[in-house]
Amino acid sequence: MIETYEVILRLGVAALCGALIGIERERNEWAAGMRTHMMVAVGSALYMIVSAYSFGDLLAYENISVDPSRIASQVVSGIGFLGAGTIIFLRQGIIRGLTTASGLWTVAAIGLAIGSGMFWAGLATTGIAIVILWLLQPFEKILFSKRIDKKLVIEINLEENASVVLSDILQNPQFGIKHFSLDHHEGEASVINIIAEDPKQLKAIATFICKDKRVKGIQFE
């Protein structure tokens, strides 16, 4: 069995690594923030410590063998359920949260590595993960911004007929609409989603509709 200070050191380093990655997710206001990532890292590290060192006394008995990877392997499977909770399926087939889910999966691996004593592997992975999540994000937006359709989301007042507002927009010859949808749920404000053939036209549509008293709010996505 390893010394107590070694256990505390491994758990502490795992918590620190989880916090560093979680801060980036917290900055973007994701549900899985700093504390969630810290808990995943610490929990994974403890599972690894328990798996590797807690059953050594059983080896004194005949016909008994211990597989240190058994508990750790279940962490890899179990973290999928937590990661799935961060994935959000939006309308029009848009999915958000995959990066956060993969971050939790990576944090679990970092915790397992540090729990087994592979400090440098865990610290190096933490550094690489921060670079991927934080530093590469601006470059990703620059490289792929033209491939992503910009969307205008228009929220209509509850008492108004959203289809009439949508008709007014579609009948305007100045706007080239690529795709549109109208989402309506009983007792909730209707939402119009518009994707223009030219993203620059979204501002023109927003200017056209923003002063309409039937409109509750407008945002770009």
C-alpha atoms as a PDB file:
ATOM      1  CA  MET A   1       0.000   0.000   0.000  1.00  0.00           C
ATOM      2  CA  ILE A   2       1.331   3.458  -0.842  1.00  0.00           C
ATOM      3  CA  GLU A   3       1.922   6.069   1.840  1.00  0.00           C
ATOM      4  CA  THR A   4      -0.843   8.450   2.917  1.00  0.00           C
ATOM      5  CA  TYR A   5       0.997  11.526   1.683  1.00  0.00           C
ATOM      6  CA  GLU A   6       1.320   9.915  -1.746  1.00  0.00           C
ATOM      7  CA  VAL A   7      -2.438   9.316  -1.907  1.00  0.00           C
ATOM      8  CA  ILE A   8      -3.140  12.927  -0.928  1.00  0.00           C
ATOM      9  CA  LEU A   9      -0.592  14.181  -3.467  1.00  0.00           C
ATOM     10  CA  ARG A  10      -2.157  12.198  -6.304  1.00  0.00           C
ATOM     11  CA  LEU A  11      -5.669  13.303  -5.427  1.00  0.00           C
ATOM     12  CA  GLY A  12      -4.540  16.917  -5.142  1.00  0.00           C
ATOM     13  CA  VAL A  13      -2.743  16.922  -8.489  1.00  0.00           C
ATOM     14  CA  ALA A  14      -5.759  15.278 -10.128  1.00  0.00           C
ATOM     15  CA  ALA A  15      -8.027  17.983  -8.671  1.00  0.00           C
ATOM     16  CA  LEU A  16      -5.698  20.701  -9.972  1.00  0.00           C
ATOM     17  CA  CYS A  17      -5.651  19.250 -13.482  1.00  0.00           C
ATOM     18  CA  GLY A  18      -9.430  18.931 -13.485  1.00  0.00           C
ATOM     19  CA  ALA A  19      -9.756  22.531 -12.311  1.00  0.00           C
ATOM     20  CA  LEU A  20      -7.507  23.868 -15.073  1.00  0.00           C
ATOM     21  CA  ILE A  21      -9.622  22.244 -17.763  1.00  0.00           C
ATOM     22  CA  GLY A  22     -12.885  23.035 -15.990  1.00  0.00           C
ATOM     23  CA  ILE A  23     -12.063  26.748 -15.817  1.00  0.00           C
ATOM     24  CA  GLU A  24     -12.167  26.926 -19.599  1.00  0.00           C
ATOM     25  CA  ARG A  25     -15.589  25.276 -19.695  1.00  0.00           C
ATOM     26  CA  GLU A  26     -16.789  27.517 -16.841  1.00  0.00           C
ATOM     27  CA  ARG A  27     -15.646  30.545 -18.842  1.00  0.00           C
ATOM     28  CA  ASN A  28     -18.043  29.532 -21.618  1.00  0.00           C
ATOM     29  CA  GLU A  29     -20.857  29.006 -19.082  1.00  0.00           C
ATOM     30  CA  TRP A  30     -21.286  25.277 -19.680  1.00  0.00           C
ATOM     31  CA  ALA A  31     -23.186  23.187 -17.154  1.00  0.00           C
ATOM     32  CA  ALA A  32     -20.124  21.012 -16.555  1.00  0.00           C
ATOM     33  CA  GLY A  33     -17.743  23.601 -15.146  1.00  0.00           C
ATOM     34  CA  MET A  34     -14.736  23.678 -12.859  1.00  0.00           C
ATOM     35  CA  ARG A  35     -16.201  21.745  -9.929  1.00  0.00           C
ATOM     36  CA  THR A  36     -17.614  19.009 -12.157  1.00  0.00           C
ATOM     37  CA  HIS A  37     -14.256  18.479 -13.871  1.00  0.00           C
ATOM     38  CA  MET A  38     -12.465  18.467 -10.516  1.00  0.00           C
ATOM     39  CA  MET A  39     -14.827  15.838  -9.132  1.00  0.00           C
ATOM     40  CA  VAL A  40     -14.396  13.641 -12.200  1.00  0.00           C
ATOM     41  CA  ALA A  41     -10.604  13.891 -11.986  1.00  0.00           C
ATOM     42  CA  VAL A  42     -10.443  13.226  -8.238  1.00  0.00           C
ATOM     43  CA  GLY A  43     -12.951  10.387  -8.431  1.00  0.00           C
ATOM     44  CA  SER A  44     -11.092   8.737 -11.289  1.00  0.00           C
ATOM     45  CA  ALA A  45      -7.790   9.057  -9.437  1.00  0.00           C
ATOM     46  CA  LEU A  46      -9.281   7.473  -6.315  1.00  0.00           C
ATOM     47  CA  TYR A  47     -10.768   4.623  -8.351  1.00  0.00           C
ATOM     48  CA  MET A  48      -7.336   3.968  -9.799  1.00  0.00           C
ATOM     49  CA  ILE A  49      -5.665   4.044  -6.378  1.00  0.00           C
ATOM     50  CA  VAL A  50      -8.262   1.696  -4.924  1.00  0.00           C
ATOM     51  CA  SER A  51      -8.005  -0.604  -7.923  1.00  0.00           C
ATOM     52  CA  ALA A  52      -4.216  -0.772  -7.829  1.00  0.00           C
ATOM     53  CA  TYR A  53      -3.460  -0.881  -4.093  1.00  0.00           C
ATOM     54  CA  SER A  54      -6.473  -1.850  -1.998  1.00  0.00           C
ATOM     55  CA  PHE A  55      -6.550  -5.583  -2.709  1.00  0.00           C
ATOM     56  CA  GLY A  56      -2.928  -6.476  -2.083  1.00  0.00           C
ATOM     57  CA  ASP A  57      -3.777  -8.399   1.110  1.00  0.00           C
ATOM     58  CA  LEU A  58      -5.832 -10.866  -0.911  1.00  0.00           C
ATOM     59  CA  LEU A  59      -2.736 -12.052  -2.754  1.00  0.00           C
ATOM     60  CA  ALA A  60      -1.656 -13.869   0.420  1.00  0.00           C
ATOM     61  CA  TYR A  61      -4.390 -16.413  -0.221  1.00  0.00           C
ATOM     62  CA  GLU A  62      -4.001 -19.250  -2.671  1.00  0.00           C
ATOM     63  CA  ASN A  63      -5.801 -19.297  -6.023  1.00  0.00           C
ATOM     64  CA  ILE A  64      -6.616 -15.586  -5.830  1.00  0.00           C
ATOM     65  CA  SER A  65      -5.486 -13.093  -8.437  1.00  0.00           C
ATOM     66  CA  VAL A  66      -6.148  -9.382  -8.685  1.00  0.00           C
ATOM     67  CA  ASP A  67      -6.695  -7.410 -11.879  1.00  0.00           C
ATOM     68  CA  PRO A  68      -5.834  -3.739 -11.171  1.00  0.00           C
ATOM     69  CA  SER A  69      -7.418  -2.625 -14.434  1.00  0.00           C
ATOM     70  CA  ARG A  70     -10.876  -4.010 -13.636  1.00  0.00           C
ATOM     71  CA  ILE A  71     -12.204  -1.034 -11.643  1.00  0.00           C
ATOM     72  CA  ALA A  72     -10.371   1.513 -13.787  1.00  0.00           C
ATOM     73  CA  SER A  73     -11.926   0.119 -16.949  1.00  0.00           C
ATOM     74  CA  GLN A  74     -15.394   0.709 -15.519  1.00  0.00           C
ATOM     75  CA  VAL A  75     -14.556   4.403 -15.114  1.00  0.00           C
ATOM     76  CA  VAL A  76     -14.038   4.639 -18.871  1.00  0.00           C
ATOM     77  CA  SER A  77     -17.483   3.136 -19.466  1.00  0.00           C
ATOM     78  CA  GLY A  78     -19.246   4.998 -16.671  1.00  0.00           C
ATOM     79  CA  ILE A  79     -18.014   8.445 -17.629  1.00  0.00           C
ATOM     80  CA  GLY A  80     -20.035   8.136 -20.828  1.00  0.00           C
ATOM     81  CA  PHE A  81     -23.271   8.576 -18.860  1.00  0.00           C
ATOM     82  CA  LEU A  82     -22.033  11.814 -17.302  1.00  0.00           C
ATOM     83  CA  GLY A  83     -20.764  13.081 -20.640  1.00  0.00           C
ATOM     84  CA  ALA A  84     -24.105  12.327 -22.278  1.00  0.00           C
ATOM     85  CA  GLY A  85     -25.772  14.693 -19.818  1.00  0.00           C
ATOM     86  CA  THR A  86     -23.768  17.621 -21.208  1.00  0.00           C
ATOM     87  CA  ILE A  87     -24.848  17.025 -24.808  1.00  0.00           C
ATOM     88  CA  ILE A  88     -27.782  19.148 -25.930  1.00  0.00           C
ATOM     89  CA  PHE A  89     -29.817  18.368 -29.042  1.00  0.00           C
ATOM     90  CA  LEU A  90     -31.165  21.596 -30.445  1.00  0.00           C
ATOM     91  CA  ARG A  91     -33.620  22.138 -33.253  1.00  0.00           C
ATOM     92  CA  GLN A  92     -32.636  21.567 -36.885  1.00  0.00           C
ATOM     93  CA  GLY A  93     -30.288  18.765 -35.913  1.00  0.00           C
ATOM     94  CA  ILE A  94     -27.823  21.062 -34.130  1.00  0.00           C
ATOM     95  CA  ILE A  95     -25.844  19.369 -31.368  1.00  0.00           C
ATOM     96  CA  ARG A  96     -23.960  21.196 -28.618  1.00  0.00           C
ATOM     97  CA  GLY A  97     -21.860  19.893 -25.751  1.00  0.00           C
ATOM     98  CA  LEU A  98     -19.739  17.305 -27.559  1.00  0.00           C
ATOM     99  CA  THR A  99     -16.545  19.164 -26.671  1.00  0.00           C
ATOM    100  CA  THR A 100     -17.511  19.307 -23.001  1.00  0.00           C
ATOM    101  CA  ALA A 101     -18.393  15.599 -23.041  1.00  0.00           C
ATOM    102  CA  SER A 102     -15.042  14.727 -24.601  1.00  0.00           C
ATOM    103  CA  GLY A 103     -13.374  17.000 -22.042  1.00  0.00           C
ATOM    104  CA  LEU A 104     -14.935  15.043 -19.181  1.00  0.00           C
ATOM    105  CA  TRP A 105     -13.779  11.812 -20.821  1.00  0.00           C
ATOM    106  CA  THR A 106     -10.234  13.219 -21.061  1.00  0.00           C
ATOM    107  CA  VAL A 107     -10.318  14.454 -17.459  1.00  0.00           C
ATOM    108  CA  ALA A 108     -11.275  10.956 -16.334  1.00  0.00           C
ATOM    109  CA  ALA A 109      -8.246   9.582 -18.198  1.00  0.00           C
ATOM    110  CA  ILE A 110      -6.044  12.221 -16.547  1.00  0.00           C
ATOM    111  CA  GLY A 111      -7.359  11.205 -13.136  1.00  0.00           C
ATOM    112  CA  LEU A 112      -6.636   7.540 -13.847  1.00  0.00           C
ATOM    113  CA  ALA A 113      -3.110   8.369 -15.007  1.00  0.00           C
ATOM    114  CA  ILE A 114      -2.304  10.458 -11.942  1.00  0.00           C
ATOM    115  CA  GLY A 115      -3.953   7.915  -9.656  1.00  0.00           C
ATOM    116  CA  SER A 116      -1.579   5.285 -11.008  1.00  0.00           C
ATOM    117  CA  GLY A 117       1.413   7.550 -10.400  1.00  0.00           C
ATOM    118  CA  MET A 118       1.937   8.728 -13.989  1.00  0.00           C
ATOM    119  CA  PHE A 119       2.130  12.393 -13.032  1.00  0.00           C
ATOM    120  CA  TRP A 120       3.872  13.632 -16.159  1.00  0.00           C
ATOM    121  CA  ALA A 121       1.406  11.855 -18.423  1.00  0.00           C
ATOM    122  CA  GLY A 122      -1.499  13.479 -16.587  1.00  0.00           C
ATOM    123  CA  LEU A 123       0.094  16.938 -16.516  1.00  0.00           C
ATOM    124  CA  ALA A 124       1.103  16.760 -20.186  1.00  0.00           C
ATOM    125  CA  THR A 125      -2.423  15.728 -21.188  1.00  0.00           C
ATOM    126  CA  THR A 126      -3.830  18.595 -19.130  1.00  0.00           C
ATOM    127  CA  GLY A 127      -1.608  21.064 -20.972  1.00  0.00           C
ATOM    128  CA  ILE A 128      -2.529  19.647 -24.364  1.00  0.00           C
ATOM    129  CA  ALA A 129      -6.252  19.699 -23.481  1.00  0.00           C
ATOM    130  CA  ILE A 130      -6.053  23.380 -22.458  1.00  0.00           C
ATOM    131  CA  VAL A 131      -4.339  24.233 -25.742  1.00  0.00           C
ATOM    132  CA  ILE A 132      -7.060  22.387 -27.689  1.00  0.00           C
ATOM    133  CA  LEU A 133      -9.986  23.888 -25.760  1.00  0.00           C
ATOM    134  CA  TRP A 134      -8.746  27.422 -25.289  1.00  0.00           C
ATOM    135  CA  LEU A 135      -5.929  28.455 -27.593  1.00  0.00           C
ATOM    136  CA  LEU A 136      -7.175  26.696 -30.724  1.00  0.00           C
ATOM    137  CA  GLN A 137     -10.720  28.028 -30.477  1.00  0.00           C
ATOM    138  CA  PRO A 138     -10.013  31.380 -32.237  1.00  0.00           C
ATOM    139  CA  PHE A 139      -8.214  29.575 -35.083  1.00  0.00           C
ATOM    140  CA  GLU A 140     -11.123  27.164 -35.456  1.00  0.00           C
ATOM    141  CA  LYS A 141     -13.548  30.061 -35.849  1.00  0.00           C
ATOM    142  CA  ILE A 142     -11.353  31.656 -38.495  1.00  0.00           C
ATOM    143  CA  LEU A 143     -10.809  28.444 -40.463  1.00  0.00           C
ATOM    144  CA  PHE A 144     -14.362  27.136 -40.420  1.00  0.00           C
ATOM    145  CA  SER A 145     -16.532  30.232 -40.045  1.00  0.00           C
ATOM    146  CA  LYS A 146     -17.438  30.163 -43.751  1.00  0.00           C
ATOM    147  CA  ARG A 147     -18.670  26.570 -43.481  1.00  0.00           C
ATOM    148  CA  ILE A 148     -21.076  27.295 -40.645  1.00  0.00           C
ATOM    149  CA  ASP A 149     -24.479  28.735 -41.488  1.00  0.00           C
ATOM    150  CA  LYS A 150     -25.276  31.792 -39.396  1.00  0.00           C
ATOM    151  CA  LYS A 151     -28.777  31.819 -38.002  1.00  0.00           C
ATOM    152  CA  LEU A 152     -31.164  34.549 -36.916  1.00  0.00           C
ATOM    153  CA  VAL A 153     -33.496  33.572 -34.093  1.00  0.00           C
ATOM    154  CA  ILE A 154     -36.623  35.705 -33.684  1.00  0.00           C
ATOM    155  CA  GLU A 155     -38.817  35.247 -30.609  1.00  0.00           C
ATOM    156  CA  ILE A 156     -42.431  36.340 -31.065  1.00  0.00           C
ATOM    157  CA  ASN A 157     -44.684  37.636 -28.303  1.00  0.00           C
ATOM    158  CA  LEU A 158     -46.946  34.942 -26.911  1.00  0.00           C
ATOM    159  CA  GLU A 159     -50.189  36.622 -27.976  1.00  0.00           C
ATOM    160  CA  GLU A 160     -49.052  37.244 -31.567  1.00  0.00           C
ATOM    161  CA  ASN A 161     -49.372  35.028 -34.640  1.00  0.00           C
ATOM    162  CA  ALA A 162     -45.808  34.049 -35.557  1.00  0.00           C
ATOM    163  CA  SER A 163     -46.792  32.730 -38.990  1.00  0.00           C
ATOM    164  CA  VAL A 164     -47.894  36.229 -40.012  1.00  0.00           C
ATOM    165  CA  VAL A 165     -44.521  37.666 -38.959  1.00  0.00           C
ATOM    166  CA  LEU A 166     -42.725  34.928 -40.874  1.00  0.00           C
ATOM    167  CA  SER A 167     -44.887  35.626 -43.940  1.00  0.00           C
ATOM    168  CA  ASP A 168     -43.929  39.308 -43.833  1.00  0.00           C
ATOM    169  CA  ILE A 169     -40.252  38.365 -43.911  1.00  0.00           C
ATOM    170  CA  LEU A 170     -40.581  35.789 -46.684  1.00  0.00           C
ATOM    171  CA  GLN A 171     -42.583  38.140 -48.909  1.00  0.00           C
ATOM    172  CA  ASN A 172     -39.887  40.803 -48.775  1.00  0.00           C
ATOM    173  CA  PRO A 173     -38.017  40.535 -52.132  1.00  0.00           C
ATOM    174  CA  GLN A 174     -34.839  41.982 -50.629  1.00  0.00           C
ATOM    175  CA  PHE A 175     -34.164  38.896 -48.538  1.00  0.00           C
ATOM    176  CA  GLY A 176     -32.808  35.653 -49.912  1.00  0.00           C
ATOM    177  CA  ILE A 177     -33.901  32.993 -47.440  1.00  0.00           C
ATOM    178  CA  LYS A 178     -32.015  29.689 -47.583  1.00  0.00           C
ATOM    179  CA  HIS A 179     -33.869  27.905 -44.794  1.00  0.00           C
ATOM    180  CA  PHE A 180     -36.507  28.798 -42.224  1.00  0.00           C
ATOM    181  CA  SER A 181     -38.506  27.113 -39.514  1.00  0.00           C
ATOM    182  CA  LEU A 182     -41.230  28.041 -37.066  1.00  0.00           C
ATOM    183  CA  ASP A 183     -41.250  26.406 -33.650  1.00  0.00           C
ATOM    184  CA  HIS A 184     -44.377  26.706 -31.590  1.00  0.00           C
ATOM    185  CA  HIS A 185     -45.307  25.021 -28.308  1.00  0.00           C
ATOM    186  CA  GLU A 186     -48.540  25.554 -26.447  1.00  0.00           C
ATOM    187  CA  GLY A 187     -48.166  28.191 -23.759  1.00  0.00           C
ATOM    188  CA  GLU A 188     -44.720  29.284 -24.964  1.00  0.00           C
ATOM    189  CA  ALA A 189     -43.486  32.074 -27.213  1.00  0.00           C
ATOM    190  CA  SER A 190     -43.041  31.037 -30.844  1.00  0.00           C
ATOM    191  CA  VAL A 191     -39.550  31.102 -32.347  1.00  0.00           C
ATOM    192  CA  ILE A 192     -38.636  31.751 -35.985  1.00  0.00           C
ATOM    193  CA  ASN A 193     -35.263  30.451 -37.201  1.00  0.00           C
ATOM    194  CA  ILE A 194     -33.876  31.925 -40.414  1.00  0.00           C
ATOM    195  CA  ILE A 195     -30.753  31.043 -42.419  1.00  0.00           C
ATOM    196  CA  ALA A 196     -30.047  33.430 -45.301  1.00  0.00           C
ATOM    197  CA  GLU A 197     -28.299  32.632 -48.556  1.00  0.00           C
ATOM    198  CA  ASP A 198     -25.901  35.464 -47.706  1.00  0.00           C
ATOM    199  CA  PRO A 199     -25.108  35.728 -43.959  1.00  0.00           C
ATOM    200  CA  LYS A 200     -24.840  39.517 -44.336  1.00  0.00           C
ATOM    201  CA  GLN A 201     -28.563  39.638 -45.074  1.00  0.00           C
ATOM    202  CA  LEU A 202     -29.345  38.479 -41.551  1.00  0.00           C
ATOM    203  CA  LYS A 203     -28.479  41.950 -40.272  1.00  0.00           C
ATOM    204  CA  ALA A 204     -30.832  43.465 -42.827  1.00  0.00           C
ATOM    205  CA  ILE A 205     -33.604  41.110 -41.713  1.00  0.00           C
ATOM    206  CA  ALA A 206     -32.920  41.964 -38.079  1.00  0.00           C
ATOM    207  CA  THR A 207     -33.071  45.682 -38.856  1.00  0.00           C
ATOM    208  CA  PHE A 208     -36.329  45.150 -40.748  1.00  0.00           C
ATOM    209  CA  ILE A 209     -38.022  43.261 -37.938  1.00  0.00           C
ATOM    210  CA  CYS A 210     -36.469  44.671 -34.748  1.00  0.00           C
ATOM    211  CA  LYS A 211     -38.924  47.571 -34.411  1.00  0.00           C
ATOM    212  CA  ASP A 212     -41.937  45.308 -34.939  1.00  0.00           C
ATOM    213  CA  LYS A 213     -44.003  45.303 -31.735  1.00  0.00           C
ATOM    214  CA  ARG A 214     -44.865  41.671 -32.331  1.00  0.00           C
ATOM    215  CA  VAL A 215     -41.212  40.704 -31.807  1.00  0.00           C
ATOM    216  CA  LYS A 216     -40.064  39.930 -28.290  1.00  0.00           C
ATOM    217  CA  GLY A 217     -36.371  39.373 -28.966  1.00  0.00           C
ATOM    218  CA  ILE A 218     -33.730  38.771 -31.614  1.00  0.00           C
ATOM    219  CA  GLN A 219     -30.391  37.001 -31.452  1.00  0.00           C
ATOM    220  CA  PHE A 220     -27.740  35.667 -33.820  1.00  0.00           C
ATOM    221  CA  GLU A 221     -26.359  32.129 -33.517  1.00  0.00           C
END
